[in-house]
Amino acid sequence: MRARADRVEAWLEKSGVDVLAIQETKCKDDNFPWEVFEHNGYDVAHFGFNQWNGVAIASRVGLKDVERTFPDQPPFGKGDQDPVQEARAIAATCGDLRLWSLYVPNGRARNDEHMVYKLAWLRQLREHAADWLREDPQAQIALAGDWNIAPQDDDVWDIEFFEDNQMTHVTEDERAAFRAFLEAGYADVVRPHTPGPGVYTYWDYTNLRFQKRQGMRIDFILGSPALAQRVRAAHIDKDERRGKGASDHAPVVVELD
């Protein structure tokens, strides 16, 4: 976030978004660039412990009831290390929208401890997400961010490459964890407006992946039924993947009635 503050500020001015969910800020609260948002009329809530992970929400339509981590969010501890809570989820109410900015654990490898952590993390979030809809079927909820899952084969540039190399993001366990949110009533509100194949949100920095159009679709906004009904347009701002200092992810934008 600190390295790309100028690009983020320019994109806010260009896009005119009212609310922005940010993941992988790699900041502590005391070195987050608050001024980028405040000078442009945004309130901002950030959650970060160190140079890893980190999530934030910026809003110019209100920011209240901030919640850092979801209830019983699993911590991570490797081997005999004491488990620690990671800065991967933050929520706030912006206008009438309850927004979660989510940085789902990567998984790293199919047989890695991080994969066990990833699936447990998603399972716990899904239980709460389902409860929120049971408590209020008309709730306006968005689960937005980097899910580190490609739910369909055409969400990666070459599914055979991923399978042959035993890569994460495309395993049945990960995809089942993603489907569980859809089965709970949430909808991918962007895909109907940006159909694939070949529609990606992420391109690795290595091997000229962006130039070769070898990307992945792993960033999603899952909306509650009431919110999904309000979506009138959506797009992926691929231009932001270009140029000096670009993130390896592109912004995903939704317009609501």
Protein backbone atom coordinates (compact mmCIF):
# COMPACT_ATOMS: atom_id res chain seq x y z
CA MET A 1 0.00 0.00 0.00
CA ARG A 2 2.80 2.44 0.85
CA ALA A 3 4.65 1.69 -2.40
CA ARG A 4 1.48 2.21 -4.47
CA ALA A 5 -0.10 5.12 -2.60
CA ASP A 6 0.15 7.41 -5.62
CA ARG A 7 -1.45 4.85 -7.92
CA VAL A 8 -4.26 4.20 -5.46
CA GLU A 9 -4.94 7.92 -5.13
CA ALA A 10 -4.97 8.39 -8.90
CA TRP A 11 -7.33 5.44 -9.29
CA LEU A 12 -9.74 6.82 -6.69
CA GLU A 13 -9.86 10.08 -8.61
CA LYS A 14 -10.32 8.30 -11.94
CA SER A 15 -12.91 5.76 -10.84
CA GLY A 16 -14.92 7.85 -8.39
CA VAL A 17 -15.77 4.79 -6.30
CA ASP A 18 -17.66 5.41 -3.08
CA VAL A 19 -16.24 2.41 -1.23
CA LEU A 20 -12.97 0.53 -1.67
CA ALA A 21 -11.99 -2.80 -0.10
CA ILE A 22 -8.23 -3.35 -0.02
CA GLN A 23 -6.22 -6.50 0.67
CA GLU A 24 -2.54 -7.24 1.37
CA THR A 25 -1.69 -3.73 2.52
CA LYS A 26 1.52 -4.99 4.18
CA CYS A 27 1.29 -2.17 6.74
CA LYS A 28 0.90 -1.68 10.44
CA ASP A 29 -1.77 0.78 11.47
CA ASP A 30 0.88 3.36 12.39
CA ASN A 31 2.51 3.41 8.93
CA PHE A 32 -0.59 3.06 6.77
CA PRO A 33 -0.92 6.07 4.39
CA TRP A 34 -4.13 7.44 5.92
CA GLU A 35 -3.65 10.82 4.22
CA VAL A 36 -4.18 9.34 0.73
CA PHE A 37 -7.79 8.68 1.63
CA GLU A 38 -8.54 11.45 4.09
CA HIS A 39 -7.37 14.15 1.67
CA ASN A 40 -9.81 12.77 -0.89
CA GLY A 41 -12.85 12.67 1.39
CA TYR A 42 -12.73 9.04 2.49
CA ASP A 43 -12.97 7.62 5.97
CA VAL A 44 -10.76 4.58 6.31
CA ALA A 45 -10.40 1.62 8.65
CA HIS A 46 -7.26 -0.50 8.52
CA PHE A 47 -6.23 -3.74 10.19
CA GLY A 48 -2.57 -4.74 10.10
CA PHE A 49 0.03 -6.13 12.49
CA ASN A 50 3.23 -6.17 10.43
CA GLN A 51 4.58 -6.25 6.88
CA TRP A 52 2.39 -9.24 5.99
CA ASN A 53 -1.29 -9.45 5.05
CA GLY A 54 -3.34 -6.40 6.09
CA VAL A 55 -6.83 -5.32 5.01
CA ALA A 56 -8.67 -2.01 4.83
CA ILE A 57 -11.93 -0.33 3.86
CA ALA A 58 -12.20 3.25 2.61
CA SER A 59 -15.60 4.92 2.28
CA ARG A 60 -17.07 8.32 1.53
CA VAL A 61 -20.65 7.20 2.29
CA GLY A 62 -20.12 6.39 5.96
CA LEU A 63 -17.95 4.00 7.94
CA LYS A 64 -19.23 2.55 11.19
CA ASP A 65 -19.41 -0.64 13.25
CA VAL A 66 -15.89 -1.64 12.25
CA GLU A 67 -15.10 -5.29 13.01
CA ARG A 68 -11.58 -6.73 12.81
CA THR A 69 -11.65 -10.48 12.17
CA PHE A 70 -14.87 -12.44 12.01
CA PRO A 71 -16.02 -14.38 15.10
CA ASP A 72 -13.78 -17.34 15.92
CA GLN A 73 -11.52 -16.61 12.97
CA PRO A 74 -8.90 -19.39 13.00
CA PRO A 75 -5.33 -18.36 13.87
CA PHE A 76 -2.28 -19.88 12.21
CA GLY A 77 0.64 -21.64 13.87
CA LYS A 78 3.22 -23.68 12.02
CA GLY A 79 4.63 -26.79 13.62
CA ASP A 80 5.12 -26.20 17.33
CA GLN A 81 4.71 -22.42 17.04
CA ASP A 82 1.97 -20.74 19.03
CA PRO A 83 -0.97 -19.87 16.75
CA VAL A 84 -1.31 -16.17 15.94
CA GLN A 85 -4.20 -14.19 14.53
CA GLU A 86 -3.54 -12.75 11.07
CA ALA A 87 -4.91 -9.50 9.66
CA ARG A 88 -7.09 -11.00 6.93
CA ALA A 89 -10.64 -9.74 7.50
CA ILE A 90 -12.21 -6.39 8.32
CA ALA A 91 -15.84 -5.28 8.08
CA ALA A 92 -17.65 -1.96 8.19
CA THR A 93 -21.09 -0.61 7.44
CA CYS A 94 -20.92 1.87 4.57
CA GLY A 95 -24.28 3.47 3.95
CA ASP A 96 -26.67 0.51 3.97
CA LEU A 97 -23.98 -2.00 2.95
CA ARG A 98 -22.16 -4.36 5.30
CA LEU A 99 -18.81 -4.87 3.57
CA TRP A 100 -16.15 -7.44 4.39
CA SER A 101 -12.68 -6.94 2.95
CA LEU A 102 -11.17 -10.43 2.85
CA TYR A 103 -7.70 -11.74 2.17
CA VAL A 104 -8.19 -15.51 2.12
CA PRO A 105 -5.08 -17.55 3.00
CA ASN A 106 -3.13 -18.73 -0.03
CA GLY A 107 -2.68 -22.39 0.85
CA ARG A 108 0.86 -22.44 -0.60
CA ALA A 109 0.88 -26.15 -1.50
CA ARG A 110 -1.66 -28.95 -1.59
CA ASN A 111 -0.09 -30.77 1.35
CA ASP A 112 0.98 -27.69 3.30
CA GLU A 113 -0.23 -26.69 6.76
CA HIS A 114 -1.40 -23.45 5.18
CA MET A 115 -3.93 -25.41 3.12
CA VAL A 116 -5.47 -26.88 6.27
CA TYR A 117 -5.58 -23.37 7.68
CA LYS A 118 -7.13 -21.98 4.48
CA LEU A 119 -9.96 -24.50 4.46
CA ALA A 120 -10.67 -24.06 8.18
CA TRP A 121 -10.66 -20.27 7.73
CA LEU A 122 -13.18 -20.47 4.88
CA ARG A 123 -15.35 -22.97 6.72
CA GLN A 124 -15.66 -20.69 9.75
CA LEU A 125 -16.41 -17.63 7.62
CA ARG A 126 -19.03 -19.53 5.68
CA GLU A 127 -20.82 -20.59 8.87
CA HIS A 128 -21.11 -16.98 9.98
CA ALA A 129 -22.04 -15.75 6.49
CA ALA A 130 -24.92 -18.25 6.41
CA ASP A 131 -26.03 -17.17 9.89
CA TRP A 132 -26.12 -13.51 8.80
CA LEU A 133 -28.60 -14.38 6.06
CA ARG A 134 -30.72 -16.54 8.35
CA GLU A 135 -30.92 -13.69 10.84
CA ASP A 136 -31.85 -11.15 8.16
CA PRO A 137 -32.72 -12.41 4.65
CA GLN A 138 -32.81 -8.79 3.43
CA ALA A 139 -29.32 -7.96 4.69
CA GLN A 140 -27.09 -6.01 2.31
CA ILE A 141 -23.79 -7.89 2.56
CA ALA A 142 -20.73 -8.01 0.32
CA LEU A 143 -17.87 -10.46 0.85
CA ALA A 144 -15.16 -8.87 -1.26
CA GLY A 145 -11.52 -9.50 -1.89
CA ASP A 146 -8.78 -11.91 -2.84
CA TRP A 147 -10.24 -15.39 -2.41
CA ASN A 148 -7.16 -17.25 -3.69
CA ILE A 149 -9.49 -19.74 -5.41
CA ALA A 150 -10.27 -20.19 -9.11
CA PRO A 151 -13.76 -21.78 -8.93
CA GLN A 152 -13.93 -22.88 -12.58
CA ASP A 153 -11.43 -24.40 -15.01
CA ASP A 154 -11.61 -21.38 -17.30
CA ASP A 155 -10.67 -19.12 -14.37
CA VAL A 156 -7.03 -20.08 -14.98
CA TRP A 157 -5.03 -19.74 -18.16
CA ASP A 158 -4.29 -23.47 -18.44
CA ILE A 159 -6.00 -25.94 -16.10
CA GLU A 160 -3.74 -28.79 -17.29
CA PHE A 161 -0.68 -26.77 -16.26
CA PHE A 162 -2.16 -26.32 -12.78
CA GLU A 163 -3.06 -29.97 -12.42
CA ASP A 164 0.20 -31.31 -13.82
CA ASN A 165 2.15 -29.14 -11.37
CA GLN A 166 -0.09 -29.96 -8.39
CA MET A 167 -0.85 -26.28 -7.85
CA THR A 168 -3.27 -24.80 -5.38
CA HIS A 169 -6.33 -22.61 -6.06
CA VAL A 170 -7.96 -25.24 -8.28
CA THR A 171 -8.33 -28.26 -5.97
CA GLU A 172 -11.76 -29.72 -5.33
CA ASP A 173 -11.50 -28.92 -1.61
CA GLU A 174 -10.87 -25.25 -2.34
CA ARG A 175 -13.61 -25.09 -4.95
CA ALA A 176 -16.06 -26.83 -2.61
CA ALA A 177 -15.26 -24.25 0.05
CA PHE A 178 -16.08 -21.47 -2.43
CA ARG A 179 -19.30 -23.20 -3.60
CA ALA A 180 -20.43 -23.43 0.00
CA PHE A 181 -20.92 -19.66 0.03
CA LEU A 182 -23.07 -19.86 -3.10
CA GLU A 183 -25.07 -22.70 -1.57
CA ALA A 184 -25.61 -20.51 1.50
CA GLY A 185 -27.31 -17.92 -0.73
CA TYR A 186 -24.54 -15.59 -1.85
CA ALA A 187 -23.96 -14.80 -5.52
CA ASP A 188 -20.93 -13.89 -7.59
CA VAL A 189 -22.28 -10.52 -8.67
CA VAL A 190 -19.48 -9.75 -11.13
CA ARG A 191 -19.30 -12.83 -13.36
CA PRO A 192 -22.67 -12.22 -15.12
CA HIS A 193 -21.30 -8.86 -16.31
CA THR A 194 -17.81 -10.16 -17.16
CA PRO A 195 -18.26 -13.62 -18.69
CA GLY A 196 -15.24 -15.78 -19.51
CA PRO A 197 -13.20 -17.66 -20.43
CA GLY A 198 -10.01 -15.63 -20.35
CA VAL A 199 -11.37 -13.02 -17.94
CA TYR A 200 -8.86 -12.67 -15.13
CA THR A 201 -8.19 -10.48 -12.09
CA TYR A 202 -4.62 -11.57 -11.31
CA TRP A 203 -1.42 -12.07 -13.33
CA ASP A 204 1.79 -13.24 -11.66
CA TYR A 205 4.81 -10.95 -12.03
CA THR A 206 6.97 -13.84 -13.25
CA ASN A 207 7.34 -15.23 -16.76
CA LEU A 208 5.59 -12.27 -18.43
CA ARG A 209 2.23 -13.70 -17.37
CA PHE A 210 0.35 -10.46 -18.04
CA GLN A 211 1.88 -9.95 -21.46
CA LYS A 212 1.09 -13.57 -22.34
CA ARG A 213 -2.48 -13.27 -21.04
CA GLN A 214 -1.79 -16.05 -18.55
CA GLY A 215 -3.91 -14.97 -15.62
CA MET A 216 -6.28 -16.21 -12.94
CA ARG A 217 -9.70 -15.14 -11.77
CA ILE A 218 -9.38 -15.20 -7.98
CA ASP A 219 -10.85 -11.86 -6.83
CA PHE A 220 -14.59 -11.87 -6.20
CA ILE A 221 -17.46 -9.93 -4.71
CA LEU A 222 -20.06 -12.31 -3.31
CA GLY A 223 -23.31 -10.53 -2.55
CA SER A 224 -26.28 -11.43 -0.40
CA PRO A 225 -29.53 -11.95 -2.35
CA ALA A 226 -30.79 -8.45 -1.49
CA LEU A 227 -27.52 -6.88 -2.60
CA ALA A 228 -27.28 -8.96 -5.78
CA GLN A 229 -30.62 -7.57 -6.92
CA ARG A 230 -29.15 -4.05 -6.84
CA VAL A 231 -26.15 -4.74 -9.09
CA ARG A 232 -26.59 -2.93 -12.39
CA ALA A 233 -23.06 -3.22 -13.79
CA ALA A 234 -19.63 -4.60 -13.01
CA HIS A 235 -16.20 -4.65 -14.60
CA ILE A 236 -12.56 -5.56 -14.02
CA ASP A 237 -10.24 -2.59 -14.50
CA LYS A 238 -7.49 -4.46 -16.35
CA ASP A 239 -5.72 -1.21 -17.26
CA GLU A 240 -4.55 -0.91 -13.66
CA ARG A 241 -2.37 -4.01 -14.15
CA ARG A 242 -0.30 -2.03 -16.64
CA GLY A 243 2.50 0.44 -16.05
CA LYS A 244 5.16 1.12 -13.45
CA GLY A 245 4.39 -0.05 -9.94
CA ALA A 246 1.22 -1.92 -10.86
CA SER A 247 -0.26 -4.45 -8.48
CA ASP A 248 -0.49 -8.02 -9.75
CA HIS A 249 -4.26 -7.78 -9.09
CA ALA A 250 -6.74 -5.59 -10.99
CA PRO A 251 -9.58 -3.71 -9.28
CA VAL A 252 -13.01 -5.35 -9.45
CA VAL A 253 -15.79 -2.75 -9.58
CA VAL A 254 -19.52 -3.06 -8.97
CA GLU A 255 -22.19 -0.40 -9.52
CA LEU A 256 -25.33 -0.55 -7.37
CA ASP A 257 -28.78 0.94 -7.82
